Amino acid sequence: MEPREHYLHAFDLDYTLLKINCSYSFASFLTRVRFFSRIQFCYVLYATLCYKLGLWSLKKLHQNVFRTLFYSKKASLFEEKAIQFIEKSGDAIFNPSLISLLKDIQKRGDGVILLSSSPAFLVGKVAAKLGIQEFLATQYEVDSAGNFQTLSEIIDGEKKSESLEILLQKKIIHKEKLIAYSDSFEDLPFLEKAGHAVVVNPSRKLRRYAIQKNWKILV
């Protein structure tokens, strides 16, 4: 019998592997431990609302939040708080059905990559908790003093799609062996790039599209 050919599973993070929005929940945690002030958290609420109402693009959301809350701040402090956030949150932030699926995938020896628009210093900690070695996330560059200096790359649906395209072009994986998971209609370029798309607790708009495409729907 020939050995089984492995698949590559590409996961979104928010409302997919997690039950929450990772960045927003982290900001809430920073406020509870008094690392962020109430005024700073009010800005997070305002920025999130502007994005949800379509007043700001994802790019503008990230740029404004970075400039207001992260620019010129010590990166190591946020790294430490990210570890505390994951430890204190425990299993409560994770989507049980998707975590069970992930564990089965890992036991089979399939490849896994995590892709998220949340900052890399936070996504990396979640990935480590889940035993995921490969991840792609929004990049904050630091200066020689170790302070956040530049928002260098925002990982949106198009960037996620481009990352899969690179894997396909380099023949690291064949398209029919590539599976993408997301809850968001904004990740449509990412979902369509894979050979198989799985939508997780999708919005009404994404659910309708998934039904038309005969994509698998998980709840």
Protein backbone atom coordinates (compact mmCIF):
# COMPACT_ATOMS: atom_id res chain seq x y z
CA MET A 1 0.00 0.00 0.00
CA GLU A 2 1.34 3.45 -0.90
CA PRO A 3 1.84 5.89 1.98
CA ARG A 4 -0.97 8.39 2.55
CA GLU A 5 -0.39 11.78 0.94
CA HIS A 6 -0.76 14.51 3.55
CA TYR A 7 -2.99 17.55 3.37
CA LEU A 8 -2.25 21.11 4.44
CA HIS A 9 -4.90 22.78 6.61
CA ALA A 10 -4.88 26.59 6.65
CA PHE A 11 -6.84 28.06 9.56
CA ASP A 12 -8.14 31.53 10.24
CA LEU A 13 -8.03 32.44 13.94
CA ASP A 14 -10.89 34.71 15.12
CA TYR A 15 -14.24 32.93 15.43
CA THR A 16 -12.67 29.88 13.82
CA LEU A 17 -10.12 28.21 16.09
CA LEU A 18 -11.08 30.80 18.68
CA LYS A 19 -14.58 31.70 19.89
CA ILE A 20 -13.48 35.32 20.19
CA ASN A 21 -11.81 38.20 18.38
CA CYS A 22 -8.26 37.72 19.62
CA SER A 23 -7.07 41.34 19.40
CA TYR A 24 -10.19 42.80 21.01
CA SER A 25 -10.14 40.27 23.85
CA PHE A 26 -6.45 40.94 24.42
CA ALA A 27 -7.17 44.67 24.67
CA SER A 28 -9.94 43.92 27.16
CA PHE A 29 -7.50 41.82 29.20
CA LEU A 30 -4.90 44.62 29.15
CA THR A 31 -7.54 46.96 30.52
CA ARG A 32 -8.54 44.57 33.31
CA VAL A 33 -4.92 44.26 34.46
CA ARG A 34 -4.55 48.06 34.16
CA PHE A 35 -1.94 47.92 31.43
CA PHE A 36 -4.33 49.89 29.21
CA SER A 37 -6.35 52.77 30.61
CA ARG A 38 -10.13 52.97 30.26
CA ILE A 39 -9.62 55.77 27.76
CA GLN A 40 -7.38 53.53 25.66
CA PHE A 41 -9.97 50.75 25.74
CA CYS A 42 -12.66 53.23 24.73
CA TYR A 43 -10.53 53.94 21.68
CA VAL A 44 -10.45 50.19 20.92
CA LEU A 45 -14.25 50.16 21.14
CA TYR A 46 -14.50 53.19 18.86
CA ALA A 47 -12.08 51.76 16.30
CA THR A 48 -13.85 48.39 16.28
CA LEU A 49 -17.21 50.07 15.76
CA CYS A 50 -15.87 52.19 12.88
CA TYR A 51 -14.64 49.02 11.20
CA LYS A 52 -17.84 47.03 11.77
CA LEU A 53 -19.95 49.89 10.40
CA GLY A 54 -17.81 50.05 7.27
CA LEU A 55 -16.47 53.51 8.08
CA TRP A 56 -12.89 52.24 8.26
CA SER A 57 -11.16 49.61 6.13
CA LEU A 58 -9.19 46.84 7.81
CA LYS A 59 -6.03 48.71 6.81
CA LYS A 60 -7.20 51.94 8.45
CA LEU A 61 -8.25 50.04 11.58
CA HIS A 62 -4.80 48.53 11.97
CA GLN A 63 -2.97 51.75 11.16
CA ASN A 64 -4.95 53.82 13.65
CA VAL A 65 -4.77 51.25 16.45
CA PHE A 66 -1.05 50.77 15.94
CA ARG A 67 -0.36 54.50 15.94
CA THR A 68 -2.53 55.14 18.99
CA LEU A 69 -1.79 52.14 21.21
CA PHE A 70 1.45 50.46 20.12
CA TYR A 71 3.78 52.93 18.43
CA SER A 72 7.00 53.54 20.38
CA LYS A 73 5.93 51.12 23.16
CA LYS A 74 8.25 48.39 24.44
CA ALA A 75 7.55 45.22 22.46
CA SER A 76 8.76 42.89 25.23
CA LEU A 77 6.05 44.15 27.58
CA PHE A 78 3.33 43.19 25.12
CA GLU A 79 4.99 39.81 24.59
CA GLU A 80 4.82 39.18 28.33
CA LYS A 81 1.19 40.27 28.53
CA ALA A 82 0.29 38.05 25.56
CA ILE A 83 1.64 35.03 27.45
CA GLN A 84 -0.37 36.02 30.53
CA PHE A 85 -3.49 36.48 28.42
CA ILE A 86 -3.23 32.98 26.95
CA GLU A 87 -2.45 31.40 30.32
CA LYS A 88 -5.29 33.13 32.18
CA SER A 89 -7.82 32.53 29.40
CA GLY A 90 -7.23 28.78 29.44
CA ASP A 91 -9.52 26.74 27.20
CA ALA A 92 -12.40 29.22 27.44
CA ILE A 93 -11.34 31.17 24.33
CA PHE A 94 -11.06 28.13 22.05
CA ASN A 95 -13.73 26.67 19.78
CA PRO A 96 -14.04 23.07 21.13
CA SER A 97 -15.18 21.45 17.87
CA LEU A 98 -12.40 23.08 15.84
CA ILE A 99 -9.78 22.25 18.45
CA SER A 100 -10.91 18.63 18.36
CA LEU A 101 -10.62 18.71 14.57
CA LEU A 102 -7.18 20.31 14.82
CA LYS A 103 -5.95 17.61 17.19
CA ASP A 104 -7.16 14.88 14.81
CA ILE A 105 -5.39 16.62 11.93
CA GLN A 106 -2.16 16.83 13.91
CA LYS A 107 -2.39 13.17 14.93
CA ARG A 108 -2.70 12.19 11.26
CA GLY A 109 0.47 14.11 10.51
CA ASP A 110 -1.14 16.64 8.17
CA GLY A 111 0.37 20.09 7.86
CA VAL A 112 -1.19 23.07 9.64
CA ILE A 113 -0.71 26.81 9.15
CA LEU A 114 -2.43 29.61 11.06
CA LEU A 115 -3.22 32.90 9.31
CA SER A 116 -4.56 35.95 11.15
CA SER A 117 -4.80 39.72 10.91
CA SER A 118 -4.00 40.00 14.63
CA PRO A 119 -0.42 41.06 15.51
CA ALA A 120 2.23 38.39 15.27
CA PHE A 121 3.40 38.76 18.88
CA LEU A 122 -0.09 37.63 19.95
CA VAL A 123 -0.84 35.07 17.23
CA GLY A 124 2.50 33.38 17.88
CA LYS A 125 1.53 32.70 21.47
CA VAL A 126 -1.79 31.17 20.42
CA ALA A 127 -0.03 29.05 17.79
CA ALA A 128 2.45 27.77 20.39
CA LYS A 129 -0.42 26.88 22.74
CA LEU A 130 -2.02 24.82 19.96
CA GLY A 131 1.20 23.18 18.81
CA ILE A 132 1.12 24.98 15.45
CA GLN A 133 4.60 25.79 14.17
CA GLU A 134 3.73 27.80 11.06
CA PHE A 135 1.77 31.03 11.23
CA LEU A 136 1.33 34.27 9.33
CA ALA A 137 0.13 37.43 11.09
CA THR A 138 0.24 41.22 10.98
CA GLN A 139 3.79 42.43 11.52
CA TYR A 140 4.92 45.14 13.94
CA GLU A 141 8.61 45.98 13.42
CA VAL A 142 10.76 47.12 16.35
CA ASP A 143 13.60 49.64 16.46
CA SER A 144 17.08 49.16 17.97
CA ALA A 145 15.69 49.95 21.42
CA GLY A 146 13.09 47.18 21.16
CA ASN A 147 10.13 49.54 20.71
CA PHE A 148 7.37 49.08 18.15
CA GLN A 149 8.24 51.40 15.29
CA THR A 150 6.45 50.36 12.08
CA LEU A 151 3.35 48.51 10.99
CA SER A 152 5.01 46.69 8.11
CA GLU A 153 2.38 44.22 6.88
CA ILE A 154 -1.32 43.65 7.45
CA ILE A 155 -2.60 40.14 6.85
CA ASP A 156 -6.04 40.36 5.25
CA GLY A 157 -7.94 37.94 3.01
CA GLU A 158 -5.87 38.89 -0.03
CA LYS A 159 -2.59 38.38 1.84
CA LYS A 160 -3.78 35.01 3.08
CA SER A 161 -4.65 34.08 -0.51
CA GLU A 162 -1.22 35.22 -1.71
CA SER A 163 0.50 33.07 0.91
CA LEU A 164 -1.37 30.00 -0.33
CA GLU A 165 -0.56 30.90 -3.93
CA ILE A 166 3.16 30.91 -3.05
CA LEU A 167 2.82 27.39 -1.63
CA LEU A 168 1.05 26.25 -4.77
CA GLN A 169 3.57 27.87 -7.14
CA LYS A 170 6.48 26.31 -5.28
CA LYS A 171 4.63 22.98 -5.47
CA ILE A 172 4.90 22.59 -1.69
CA ILE A 173 1.32 21.34 -1.79
CA HIS A 174 -1.12 20.51 -4.58
CA LYS A 175 -4.34 22.51 -4.61
CA GLU A 176 -6.55 19.46 -4.11
CA LYS A 177 -4.65 18.77 -0.87
CA LEU A 178 -5.08 22.30 0.47
CA ILE A 179 -7.97 23.02 2.86
CA ALA A 180 -8.85 26.52 4.14
CA TYR A 181 -11.05 27.33 7.15
CA SER A 182 -12.61 30.71 7.99
CA ASP A 183 -15.74 32.40 9.36
CA SER A 184 -15.41 35.65 7.42
CA PHE A 185 -16.67 36.74 4.01
CA GLU A 186 -13.63 39.03 3.84
CA ASP A 187 -11.52 35.88 3.68
CA LEU A 188 -13.22 34.85 0.44
CA PRO A 189 -10.00 35.19 -1.64
CA PHE A 190 -8.30 32.90 0.88
CA LEU A 191 -11.11 30.33 0.86
CA GLU A 192 -11.32 30.28 -2.93
CA LYS A 193 -7.57 29.77 -3.32
CA ALA A 194 -7.72 26.39 -1.59
CA GLY A 195 -8.82 23.16 -3.17
CA HIS A 196 -11.37 22.72 -0.39
CA ALA A 197 -13.03 25.48 1.64
CA VAL A 198 -14.65 25.02 5.04
CA VAL A 199 -16.68 27.83 6.59
CA VAL A 200 -17.00 27.97 10.37
CA ASN A 201 -19.99 29.59 12.08
CA PRO A 202 -20.31 31.76 8.97
CA SER A 203 -22.11 35.05 8.61
CA ARG A 204 -25.39 34.91 6.69
CA LYS A 205 -23.68 36.26 3.58
CA LEU A 206 -20.87 33.70 3.72
CA ARG A 207 -23.30 30.88 4.47
CA ARG A 208 -25.33 31.68 1.34
CA TYR A 209 -22.15 31.75 -0.73
CA ALA A 210 -20.90 28.49 0.80
CA ILE A 211 -24.18 26.75 0.00
CA GLN A 212 -23.93 27.92 -3.62
CA LYS A 213 -20.36 26.60 -3.81
CA ASN A 214 -21.23 23.38 -1.97
CA TRP A 215 -18.58 24.12 0.64
CA LYS A 216 -18.58 22.31 3.96
CA ILE A 217 -20.14 24.31 6.82
CA LEU A 218 -19.13 23.74 10.45
CA VAL A 219 -20.95 25.19 13.46
